[in-house]
């Protein structure tokens, strides 16, 4: 009985110190991410003159390359990114045209957009280049 208690105790300490085998992946400003599978409904925040913001959802195709704009806080559930390549296209205007409708882009005060990618996607649906 004492041997079983000892084994259970040592196993518990072992799991505690090893993190139960969970690997934490983190990103920082400037990291490049590649989308590994189509993301059908992701949040996009539109940026405008002044303090006004708005948003919409969009699909992000497999193969899209994103750049991390801000190092996420430890407790954050999202990664703020900009799309820098889609379907081999690297022209910023063409990329923005792909994701943002013309009726938004031509409105007075429009400045750009930011993608809010779920942190839980790291290592599976989105990987670091």
Protein backbone atom coordinates (compact mmCIF):
# COMPACT_ATOMS: atom_id res chain seq x y z
CA UNK A 1 0.00 0.00 0.00
CA UNK A 2 2.84 2.40 0.86
CA UNK A 3 4.48 1.65 -2.51
CA UNK A 4 1.25 2.50 -4.37
CA UNK A 5 0.93 5.80 -2.46
CA UNK A 6 4.55 6.63 -3.26
CA UNK A 7 4.05 5.90 -6.98
CA UNK A 8 0.87 7.98 -7.13
CA UNK A 9 2.55 10.88 -5.32
CA UNK A 10 5.61 10.78 -7.57
CA UNK A 11 3.41 10.56 -10.66
CA UNK A 12 1.43 13.60 -9.54
CA UNK A 13 4.61 15.63 -8.98
CA UNK A 14 5.99 14.48 -12.30
CA UNK A 15 2.87 15.61 -14.18
CA UNK A 16 2.78 18.90 -12.28
CA UNK A 17 6.37 19.79 -13.18
CA UNK A 18 6.16 18.56 -16.75
CA UNK A 19 3.01 20.57 -17.49
CA UNK A 20 1.11 17.36 -18.25
CA UNK A 21 2.80 17.26 -21.64
CA UNK A 22 1.09 20.47 -22.81
CA UNK A 23 3.27 22.56 -25.09
CA UNK A 24 2.57 26.29 -25.03
CA UNK A 25 3.03 28.11 -28.32
CA UNK A 26 3.34 31.88 -28.26
CA UNK A 27 3.75 34.62 -30.82
CA UNK A 28 5.23 38.07 -30.81
CA UNK A 29 5.04 41.18 -32.92
CA UNK A 30 6.48 40.56 -36.39
CA UNK A 31 5.96 36.77 -36.44
CA UNK A 32 4.61 35.38 -39.70
CA UNK A 33 1.78 32.86 -39.49
CA UNK A 34 0.43 30.61 -42.24
CA UNK A 35 -3.16 29.42 -42.33
CA UNK A 36 -3.15 25.59 -42.57
CA UNK A 37 -6.86 25.12 -43.30
CA UNK A 38 -9.69 27.36 -44.45
CA UNK A 39 -10.99 29.51 -41.61
CA UNK A 40 -14.65 30.06 -42.52
CA UNK A 41 -15.69 32.84 -40.13
CA UNK A 42 -13.05 35.07 -38.57
CA UNK A 43 -13.41 38.55 -37.10
CA UNK A 44 -12.02 41.58 -38.89
CA UNK A 45 -11.84 45.00 -37.26
CA UNK A 46 -11.98 47.99 -39.60
CA UNK A 47 -9.97 51.06 -38.64
CA UNK A 48 -11.23 54.57 -39.29
CA UNK A 49 -10.13 58.16 -38.72
CA UNK A 50 -10.61 59.21 -35.14
CA UNK A 51 -11.48 56.62 -32.53
CA UNK A 52 -14.24 54.88 -34.50
CA UNK A 53 -13.92 51.17 -35.28
CA UNK A 54 -16.27 48.66 -36.86
CA UNK A 55 -16.00 45.09 -38.01
CA UNK A 56 -17.26 42.12 -39.96
CA UNK A 57 -16.52 38.44 -40.37
CA UNK A 58 -14.73 36.87 -43.31
CA UNK A 59 -13.32 33.59 -44.54
CA UNK A 60 -9.53 33.29 -44.56
CA UNK A 61 -8.28 30.77 -47.15
CA UNK A 62 -5.70 28.09 -46.52
CA UNK A 63 -2.21 29.34 -47.39
CA UNK A 64 -2.84 32.95 -46.36
CA UNK A 65 0.19 34.49 -44.62
CA UNK A 66 -0.50 36.78 -41.66
CA UNK A 67 1.86 39.04 -39.73
CA UNK A 68 1.40 39.51 -35.98
CA UNK A 69 0.90 43.23 -35.28
CA UNK A 70 1.04 43.21 -31.47
CA UNK A 71 2.59 40.74 -29.04
CA UNK A 72 -0.47 39.20 -27.33
CA UNK A 73 -0.79 39.45 -23.54
CA UNK A 74 -0.52 36.15 -21.67
CA UNK A 75 -4.29 36.08 -20.96
CA UNK A 76 -5.37 37.21 -24.42
CA UNK A 77 -7.52 34.84 -26.48
CA UNK A 78 -6.77 36.50 -29.85
CA UNK A 79 -3.81 37.44 -32.01
CA UNK A 80 -4.09 40.70 -33.95
CA UNK A 81 -2.72 40.23 -37.47
CA UNK A 82 -2.53 41.77 -40.92
CA UNK A 83 -2.77 39.68 -44.08
CA UNK A 84 0.46 40.02 -46.07
CA UNK A 85 -0.02 37.31 -48.70
CA UNK A 86 -2.99 35.49 -50.19
CA UNK A 87 -2.94 33.06 -53.10
CA UNK A 88 0.63 34.18 -53.90
CA UNK A 89 -0.43 37.86 -54.05
CA UNK A 90 1.65 40.21 -51.89
CA UNK A 91 0.29 43.58 -53.06
CA UNK A 92 -1.35 45.21 -49.98
CA UNK A 93 -4.11 46.85 -52.05
CA UNK A 94 -5.02 43.57 -53.77
CA UNK A 95 -5.06 41.75 -50.42
CA UNK A 96 -7.32 44.37 -48.87
CA UNK A 97 -9.58 44.25 -51.93
CA UNK A 98 -9.92 40.49 -51.45
CA UNK A 99 -11.10 40.76 -47.84
CA UNK A 100 -12.84 44.16 -47.58
CA UNK A 101 -15.82 45.05 -49.74
CA UNK A 102 -15.59 48.10 -51.98
CA UNK A 103 -18.45 49.83 -50.18
CA UNK A 104 -16.36 49.81 -46.99
CA UNK A 105 -13.01 50.68 -48.63
CA UNK A 106 -14.34 53.78 -50.44
CA UNK A 107 -16.09 55.29 -47.42
CA UNK A 108 -14.56 58.49 -46.11
CA UNK A 109 -12.21 57.88 -43.19
CA UNK A 110 -11.43 54.19 -43.87
CA UNK A 111 -7.83 53.41 -42.81
CA UNK A 112 -7.48 49.62 -43.00
CA UNK A 113 -8.30 46.40 -41.20
CA UNK A 114 -6.95 43.96 -38.61
CA UNK A 115 -7.70 40.25 -38.28
CA UNK A 116 -8.48 38.77 -34.86
CA UNK A 117 -7.25 35.16 -34.98
CA UNK A 118 -8.09 32.85 -32.09
CA UNK A 119 -4.99 31.96 -30.08
CA UNK A 120 -6.27 28.38 -29.78
CA UNK A 121 -5.58 27.94 -33.54
CA UNK A 122 -1.80 28.14 -33.03
CA UNK A 123 -0.12 24.88 -33.86
CA UNK A 124 -3.13 23.43 -35.68
CA UNK A 125 -5.17 25.68 -37.98
CA UNK A 126 -2.44 28.36 -38.00
CA UNK A 127 1.31 27.78 -37.61
CA UNK A 128 4.34 30.03 -37.22
CA UNK A 129 6.53 30.28 -40.32
